[in-house]
Amino acid sequence: MERKRLIRFVCILVSNGTILFFALRLLRALGAANASEAHFDMTVGAVASSACLIGFVAEINLHRWAKVINVAIPMAVGIFMASAVMWLPAVSNDGDRYEAAYGFLIYATIPLFFALANFLAYRLTNTAKDAVTNSQV
């Protein structure tokens, strides 16, 4: 494995691995208050963990769409977490729902940083061979 591809793979491993770790915890739905919340947690966890695994496999197999999925996964997670400011106070009755929503907004910067890091990893490690392959498609 050449050095540029190894750097790109490590970036993807860190970002998708972190998201996969938390998605698998969400998949277990340990903190769910009722059955509908548990189903929602399990659904979000299943979608996020399968997307991370697809991103890993796509990068290992050098698929053309690996860049799209490996940048879109952390971007989608970050946008979903940031949107909690809008929907969390409306669906929760807890006393700290507003503080929790702003906590999600602050924590949303982490997956957005991962999306930027993955984008830059693909952009900066793009070789001439990759550019020719992508232009022919």
N, C-alpha and C. Protein backbone atom coordinates (compact mmCIF):
# COMPACT_ATOMS: atom_id res chain seq x y z
N MET A 1 0.85 -1.17 0.00
CA MET A 1 0.00 0.00 0.00
C MET A 1 0.90 1.24 0.00
N GLU A 2 0.64 2.14 -0.92
CA GLU A 2 1.47 3.33 -0.98
C GLU A 2 1.13 4.29 0.15
N ARG A 3 2.05 5.21 0.40
CA ARG A 3 1.94 6.09 1.55
C ARG A 3 0.72 7.00 1.51
N LYS A 4 0.41 7.55 0.35
CA LYS A 4 -0.74 8.46 0.23
C LYS A 4 -2.05 7.73 0.52
N ARG A 5 -2.15 6.53 0.01
CA ARG A 5 -3.38 5.76 0.24
C ARG A 5 -3.48 5.34 1.70
N LEU A 6 -2.35 5.07 2.34
CA LEU A 6 -2.34 4.71 3.75
C LEU A 6 -2.81 5.88 4.61
N ILE A 7 -2.37 7.08 4.30
CA ILE A 7 -2.81 8.28 5.03
C ILE A 7 -4.31 8.46 4.87
N ARG A 8 -4.80 8.30 3.67
CA ARG A 8 -6.24 8.42 3.42
C ARG A 8 -7.02 7.35 4.17
N PHE A 9 -6.52 6.14 4.17
CA PHE A 9 -7.20 5.04 4.87
C PHE A 9 -7.23 5.26 6.37
N VAL A 10 -6.15 5.80 6.94
CA VAL A 10 -6.12 6.08 8.38
C VAL A 10 -7.15 7.16 8.73
N CYS A 11 -7.26 8.18 7.90
CA CYS A 11 -8.28 9.23 8.12
C CYS A 11 -9.68 8.62 8.13
N ILE A 12 -9.95 7.77 7.18
CA ILE A 12 -11.27 7.15 7.08
C ILE A 12 -11.49 6.18 8.24
N LEU A 13 -10.44 5.47 8.63
CA LEU A 13 -10.54 4.54 9.74
C LEU A 13 -10.88 5.27 11.04
N VAL A 14 -10.27 6.42 11.26
CA VAL A 14 -10.54 7.18 12.49
C VAL A 14 -11.96 7.74 12.46
N SER A 15 -12.36 8.36 11.35
CA SER A 15 -13.68 8.99 11.32
C SER A 15 -14.80 7.95 11.31
N ASN A 16 -14.73 6.98 10.42
CA ASN A 16 -15.79 5.97 10.37
C ASN A 16 -15.75 5.06 11.59
N GLY A 17 -14.57 4.81 12.12
CA GLY A 17 -14.46 3.99 13.32
C GLY A 17 -15.09 4.66 14.53
N THR A 18 -14.90 5.97 14.66
CA THR A 18 -15.52 6.69 15.77
C THR A 18 -17.04 6.70 15.63
N ILE A 19 -17.53 6.97 14.44
CA ILE A 19 -18.97 6.96 14.20
C ILE A 19 -19.53 5.56 14.40
N LEU A 20 -18.80 4.54 13.94
CA LEU A 20 -19.25 3.16 14.11
C LEU A 20 -19.32 2.78 15.59
N PHE A 21 -18.36 3.23 16.38
CA PHE A 21 -18.37 2.92 17.82
C PHE A 21 -19.65 3.46 18.47
N PHE A 22 -19.98 4.71 18.18
CA PHE A 22 -21.17 5.30 18.80
C PHE A 22 -22.45 4.78 18.16
N ALA A 23 -22.41 4.40 16.90
CA ALA A 23 -23.60 3.83 16.26
C ALA A 23 -23.92 2.46 16.85
N LEU A 24 -22.90 1.68 17.14
CA LEU A 24 -23.15 0.38 17.75
C LEU A 24 -23.70 0.52 19.17
N ARG A 25 -23.25 1.54 19.89
CA ARG A 25 -23.83 1.81 21.21
C ARG A 25 -25.28 2.25 21.08
N LEU A 26 -25.58 3.04 20.05
CA LEU A 26 -26.95 3.47 19.81
C LEU A 26 -27.81 2.30 19.38
N LEU A 27 -27.23 1.35 18.68
CA LEU A 27 -27.95 0.17 18.22
C LEU A 27 -28.46 -0.67 19.39
N ARG A 28 -27.76 -0.65 20.49
CA ARG A 28 -28.19 -1.40 21.67
C ARG A 28 -29.35 -0.72 22.39
N ALA A 29 -29.56 0.57 22.20
CA ALA A 29 -30.69 1.34 22.75
C ALA A 29 -30.82 1.17 24.25
N LEU A 30 -29.71 1.36 24.96
CA LEU A 30 -29.74 1.15 26.41
C LEU A 30 -30.46 2.26 27.16
N GLY A 31 -30.39 3.49 26.70
CA GLY A 31 -30.99 4.60 27.42
C GLY A 31 -32.39 4.97 26.97
N ALA A 32 -33.02 4.11 26.21
CA ALA A 32 -34.35 4.43 25.68
C ALA A 32 -35.39 4.39 26.80
N ALA A 33 -36.27 5.39 26.79
CA ALA A 33 -37.30 5.49 27.82
C ALA A 33 -38.51 4.62 27.51
N ASN A 34 -38.80 4.43 26.22
CA ASN A 34 -39.96 3.61 25.84
C ASN A 34 -39.63 2.84 24.57
N ALA A 35 -40.59 2.04 24.11
CA ALA A 35 -40.35 1.16 22.96
C ALA A 35 -40.14 1.94 21.67
N SER A 36 -40.88 3.01 21.46
CA SER A 36 -40.73 3.77 20.21
C SER A 36 -39.37 4.46 20.16
N GLU A 37 -38.90 4.94 21.29
CA GLU A 37 -37.57 5.54 21.33
C GLU A 37 -36.49 4.48 21.09
N ALA A 38 -36.70 3.29 21.60
CA ALA A 38 -35.75 2.20 21.38
C ALA A 38 -35.71 1.81 19.90
N HIS A 39 -36.86 1.75 19.25
CA HIS A 39 -36.90 1.43 17.82
C HIS A 39 -36.19 2.51 17.00
N PHE A 40 -36.42 3.78 17.36
CA PHE A 40 -35.75 4.87 16.66
C PHE A 40 -34.24 4.78 16.84
N ASP A 41 -33.80 4.55 18.07
CA ASP A 41 -32.35 4.43 18.33
C ASP A 41 -31.74 3.27 17.55
N MET A 42 -32.43 2.13 17.54
CA MET A 42 -31.90 0.96 16.83
C MET A 42 -31.86 1.21 15.32
N THR A 43 -32.86 1.90 14.79
CA THR A 43 -32.87 2.20 13.36
C THR A 43 -31.73 3.13 12.97
N VAL A 44 -31.56 4.20 13.74
CA VAL A 44 -30.47 5.14 13.45
C VAL A 44 -29.12 4.45 13.61
N GLY A 45 -28.97 3.63 14.64
CA GLY A 45 -27.72 2.91 14.84
C GLY A 45 -27.43 1.93 13.72
N ALA A 46 -28.46 1.23 13.25
CA ALA A 46 -28.26 0.27 12.16
C ALA A 46 -27.88 0.97 10.86
N VAL A 47 -28.52 2.08 10.55
CA VAL A 47 -28.21 2.81 9.32
C VAL A 47 -26.79 3.38 9.38
N ALA A 48 -26.44 3.99 10.51
CA ALA A 48 -25.11 4.60 10.63
C ALA A 48 -24.00 3.55 10.62
N SER A 49 -24.21 2.44 11.33
CA SER A 49 -23.16 1.42 11.36
C SER A 49 -22.99 0.73 10.02
N SER A 50 -24.10 0.46 9.32
CA SER A 50 -23.96 -0.16 8.00
C SER A 50 -23.32 0.79 7.00
N ALA A 51 -23.62 2.08 7.09
CA ALA A 51 -22.99 3.05 6.18
C ALA A 51 -21.49 3.12 6.44
N CYS A 52 -21.08 3.09 7.71
CA CYS A 52 -19.64 3.10 8.03
C CYS A 52 -18.94 1.87 7.48
N LEU A 53 -19.56 0.72 7.64
CA LEU A 53 -18.95 -0.51 7.12
C LEU A 53 -18.88 -0.51 5.60
N ILE A 54 -19.91 0.01 4.95
CA ILE A 54 -19.89 0.13 3.48
C ILE A 54 -18.77 1.07 3.05
N GLY A 55 -18.57 2.16 3.80
CA GLY A 55 -17.49 3.09 3.49
C GLY A 55 -16.12 2.45 3.62
N PHE A 56 -15.94 1.63 4.68
CA PHE A 56 -14.67 0.91 4.84
C PHE A 56 -14.42 -0.02 3.66
N VAL A 57 -15.41 -0.82 3.33
CA VAL A 57 -15.26 -1.81 2.26
C VAL A 57 -15.03 -1.11 0.92
N ALA A 58 -15.73 -0.02 0.69
CA ALA A 58 -15.56 0.70 -0.57
C ALA A 58 -14.15 1.26 -0.70
N GLU A 59 -13.59 1.76 0.39
CA GLU A 59 -12.23 2.28 0.35
C GLU A 59 -11.21 1.17 0.15
N ILE A 60 -11.41 0.05 0.81
CA ILE A 60 -10.47 -1.07 0.66
C ILE A 60 -10.49 -1.60 -0.77
N ASN A 61 -11.69 -1.68 -1.37
CA ASN A 61 -11.82 -2.19 -2.73
C ASN A 61 -11.62 -1.14 -3.81
N LEU A 62 -11.28 0.08 -3.41
CA LEU A 62 -11.00 1.18 -4.33
C LEU A 62 -12.18 1.51 -5.26
N HIS A 63 -13.36 1.51 -4.74
CA HIS A 63 -14.51 1.90 -5.54
C HIS A 63 -14.49 3.40 -5.79
N ARG A 64 -15.05 3.81 -6.92
CA ARG A 64 -15.07 5.23 -7.26
C ARG A 64 -15.93 6.04 -6.31
N TRP A 65 -16.99 5.46 -5.82
CA TRP A 65 -17.92 6.19 -4.97
C TRP A 65 -17.51 6.17 -3.50
N ALA A 66 -16.34 5.65 -3.18
CA ALA A 66 -15.88 5.62 -1.79
C ALA A 66 -15.71 7.03 -1.23
N LYS A 67 -15.25 7.95 -2.07
CA LYS A 67 -15.07 9.33 -1.62
C LYS A 67 -16.41 9.93 -1.22
N VAL A 68 -17.42 9.70 -2.03
CA VAL A 68 -18.74 10.28 -1.76
C VAL A 68 -19.29 9.76 -0.44
N ILE A 69 -19.24 8.46 -0.24
CA ILE A 69 -19.85 7.90 0.97
C ILE A 69 -19.02 8.22 2.21
N ASN A 70 -17.70 8.25 2.09
CA ASN A 70 -16.86 8.51 3.26
C ASN A 70 -16.84 9.97 3.67
N VAL A 71 -17.24 10.86 2.80
CA VAL A 71 -17.43 12.26 3.18
C VAL A 71 -18.87 12.49 3.62
N ALA A 72 -19.81 11.79 3.00
CA ALA A 72 -21.23 12.00 3.31
C ALA A 72 -21.63 11.43 4.68
N ILE A 73 -21.00 10.35 5.11
CA ILE A 73 -21.38 9.75 6.40
C ILE A 73 -21.17 10.73 7.55
N PRO A 74 -19.95 11.25 7.75
CA PRO A 74 -19.80 12.19 8.87
C PRO A 74 -20.57 13.49 8.66
N MET A 75 -20.74 13.91 7.41
CA MET A 75 -21.50 15.13 7.14
C MET A 75 -22.96 14.93 7.55
N ALA A 76 -23.54 13.79 7.21
CA ALA A 76 -24.94 13.52 7.57
C ALA A 76 -25.11 13.40 9.08
N VAL A 77 -24.17 12.76 9.75
CA VAL A 77 -24.25 12.64 11.21
C VAL A 77 -24.15 14.02 11.86
N GLY A 78 -23.25 14.84 11.36
CA GLY A 78 -23.10 16.20 11.91
C GLY A 78 -24.34 17.05 11.69
N ILE A 79 -24.94 16.96 10.51
CA ILE A 79 -26.14 17.73 10.23
C ILE A 79 -27.30 17.23 11.09
N PHE A 80 -27.41 15.92 11.26
CA PHE A 80 -28.46 15.37 12.11
C PHE A 80 -28.29 15.83 13.56
N MET A 81 -27.06 15.83 14.06
CA MET A 81 -26.83 16.27 15.42
C MET A 81 -27.09 17.76 15.57
N ALA A 82 -26.71 18.56 14.59
CA ALA A 82 -26.94 19.99 14.65
C ALA A 82 -28.42 20.33 14.56
N SER A 83 -29.17 19.50 13.86
CA SER A 83 -30.61 19.77 13.73
C SER A 83 -31.36 19.50 15.02
N ALA A 84 -30.70 18.89 16.01
CA ALA A 84 -31.35 18.63 17.29
C ALA A 84 -31.79 19.92 17.98
N VAL A 85 -31.17 21.03 17.65
CA VAL A 85 -31.58 22.31 18.22
C VAL A 85 -33.02 22.62 17.82
N MET A 86 -33.43 22.17 16.65
CA MET A 86 -34.79 22.45 16.17
C MET A 86 -35.80 21.44 16.71
N TRP A 87 -35.49 20.16 16.68
CA TRP A 87 -36.51 19.17 16.98
C TRP A 87 -36.47 18.61 18.39
N LEU A 88 -35.34 18.64 19.08
CA LEU A 88 -35.27 18.03 20.40
C LEU A 88 -36.17 18.71 21.44
N PRO A 89 -36.21 20.03 21.52
CA PRO A 89 -37.12 20.64 22.50
C PRO A 89 -38.59 20.35 22.22
N ALA A 90 -38.94 20.09 20.97
CA ALA A 90 -40.34 19.83 20.63
C ALA A 90 -40.78 18.42 20.99
N VAL A 91 -39.87 17.46 20.98
CA VAL A 91 -40.26 16.07 21.22
C VAL A 91 -39.94 15.58 22.63
N SER A 92 -39.27 16.39 23.43
CA SER A 92 -38.88 15.96 24.77
C SER A 92 -39.59 16.81 25.82
N ASN A 93 -39.80 16.20 26.98
CA ASN A 93 -40.41 16.91 28.10
C ASN A 93 -39.45 17.08 29.26
N ASP A 94 -38.19 16.74 29.07
CA ASP A 94 -37.19 16.87 30.13
C ASP A 94 -36.93 18.34 30.42
N GLY A 95 -36.50 18.60 31.63
CA GLY A 95 -36.21 19.97 32.02
C GLY A 95 -34.95 20.53 31.38
N ASP A 96 -34.03 19.65 31.01
CA ASP A 96 -32.77 20.10 30.42
C ASP A 96 -32.72 19.92 28.91
N ARG A 97 -33.86 19.89 28.28
CA ARG A 97 -33.88 19.62 26.84
C ARG A 97 -33.20 20.72 26.03
N TYR A 98 -33.27 21.97 26.48
CA TYR A 98 -32.62 23.05 25.73
C TYR A 98 -31.10 22.97 25.86
N GLU A 99 -30.63 22.64 27.04
CA GLU A 99 -29.19 22.48 27.23
C GLU A 99 -28.68 21.28 26.44
N ALA A 100 -29.46 20.21 26.41
CA ALA A 100 -29.07 19.03 25.64
C ALA A 100 -29.01 19.35 24.15
N ALA A 101 -29.95 20.15 23.67
CA ALA A 101 -29.96 20.51 22.25
C ALA A 101 -28.71 21.32 21.89
N TYR A 102 -28.32 22.25 22.73
CA TYR A 102 -27.12 23.02 22.45
C TYR A 102 -25.86 22.18 22.64
N GLY A 103 -25.93 21.18 23.51
CA GLY A 103 -24.82 20.23 23.62
C GLY A 103 -24.63 19.45 22.33
N PHE A 104 -25.75 19.01 21.74
CA PHE A 104 -25.68 18.34 20.44
C PHE A 104 -25.07 19.25 19.38
N LEU A 105 -25.42 20.53 19.42
CA LEU A 105 -24.88 21.48 18.45
C LEU A 105 -23.37 21.60 18.59
N ILE A 106 -22.89 21.63 19.82
CA ILE A 106 -21.44 21.71 20.05
C ILE A 106 -20.76 20.42 19.61
N TYR A 107 -21.35 19.27 19.98
CA TYR A 107 -20.76 17.99 19.60
C TYR A 107 -20.87 17.70 18.11
N ALA A 108 -21.74 18.40 17.40
CA ALA A 108 -21.87 18.21 15.95
C ALA A 108 -20.64 18.69 15.20
N THR A 109 -19.82 19.50 15.83
CA THR A 109 -18.61 19.97 15.15
C THR A 109 -17.61 18.82 14.93
N ILE A 110 -17.67 17.79 15.76
CA ILE A 110 -16.72 16.67 15.62
C ILE A 110 -16.95 15.90 14.32
N PRO A 111 -18.18 15.41 14.02
CA PRO A 111 -18.35 14.73 12.74
C PRO A 111 -18.18 15.67 11.54
N LEU A 112 -18.49 16.95 11.71
CA LEU A 112 -18.26 17.88 10.61
C LEU A 112 -16.76 18.05 10.35
N PHE A 113 -15.96 18.03 11.42
CA PHE A 113 -14.51 18.04 11.27
C PHE A 113 -14.04 16.77 10.56
N PHE A 114 -14.62 15.62 10.93
CA PHE A 114 -14.27 14.37 10.26
C PHE A 114 -14.59 14.44 8.76
N ALA A 115 -15.73 15.04 8.41
CA ALA A 115 -16.09 15.17 7.00
C ALA A 115 -15.07 16.04 6.26
N LEU A 116 -14.67 17.12 6.89
CA LEU A 116 -13.65 17.99 6.28
C LEU A 116 -12.32 17.27 6.16
N ALA A 117 -11.94 16.52 7.20
CA ALA A 117 -10.67 15.78 7.15
C ALA A 117 -10.70 14.72 6.05
N ASN A 118 -11.82 14.01 5.91
CA ASN A 118 -11.92 13.01 4.84
C ASN A 118 -11.87 13.66 3.47
N PHE A 119 -12.55 14.79 3.31
CA PHE A 119 -12.52 15.49 2.03
C PHE A 119 -11.10 15.91 1.69
N LEU A 120 -10.40 16.48 2.67
CA LEU A 120 -9.02 16.90 2.42
C LEU A 120 -8.11 15.70 2.20
N ALA A 121 -8.37 14.60 2.87
CA ALA A 121 -7.55 13.40 2.66
C ALA A 121 -7.71 12.91 1.22
N TYR A 122 -8.92 12.92 0.72
CA TYR A 122 -9.12 12.51 -0.68
C TYR A 122 -8.52 13.54 -1.64
N ARG A 123 -8.72 14.80 -1.33
CA ARG A 123 -8.26 15.87 -2.23
C ARG A 123 -6.73 15.92 -2.29
N LEU A 124 -6.08 15.82 -1.14
CA LEU A 124 -4.63 15.97 -1.10
C LEU A 124 -3.88 14.71 -1.49
N THR A 125 -4.54 13.56 -1.41
CA THR A 125 -3.86 12.32 -1.78
C THR A 125 -4.28 11.82 -3.16
N ASN A 126 -4.97 12.65 -3.91
CA ASN A 126 -5.39 12.29 -5.25
C ASN A 126 -4.16 12.24 -6.15
N THR A 127 -3.90 11.10 -6.73
CA THR A 127 -2.74 10.94 -7.59
C THR A 127 -3.14 11.17 -9.04
N ALA A 128 -2.16 11.24 -9.90
CA ALA A 128 -2.44 11.44 -11.33
C ALA A 128 -3.22 10.25 -11.89
N LYS A 129 -2.92 9.05 -11.40
CA LYS A 129 -3.63 7.86 -11.84
C LYS A 129 -5.10 7.94 -11.46
N ASP A 130 -5.41 8.40 -10.23
CA ASP A 130 -6.79 8.57 -9.79
C ASP A 130 -7.51 9.62 -10.63
N ALA A 131 -6.81 10.71 -10.96
CA ALA A 131 -7.43 11.78 -11.74
C ALA A 131 -7.80 11.28 -13.13
N VAL A 132 -6.95 10.48 -13.74
CA VAL A 132 -7.26 9.93 -15.07
C VAL A 132 -8.44 8.98 -14.97
N THR A 133 -8.47 8.13 -13.94
CA THR A 133 -9.55 7.19 -13.76
C THR A 133 -10.88 7.90 -13.54
N ASN A 134 -10.88 8.95 -12.71
CA ASN A 134 -12.11 9.69 -12.43
C ASN A 134 -12.60 10.49 -13.61
N SER A 135 -11.70 10.98 -14.48
CA SER A 135 -12.13 11.75 -15.63
C SER A 135 -12.72 10.88 -16.72
N GLN A 136 -12.36 9.60 -16.75
CA GLN A 136 -12.89 8.71 -17.78
C GLN A 136 -14.29 8.22 -17.45
N VAL A 137 -14.71 8.39 -16.21
CA VAL A 137 -16.01 7.88 -15.77
C VAL A 137 -17.11 8.84 -16.13
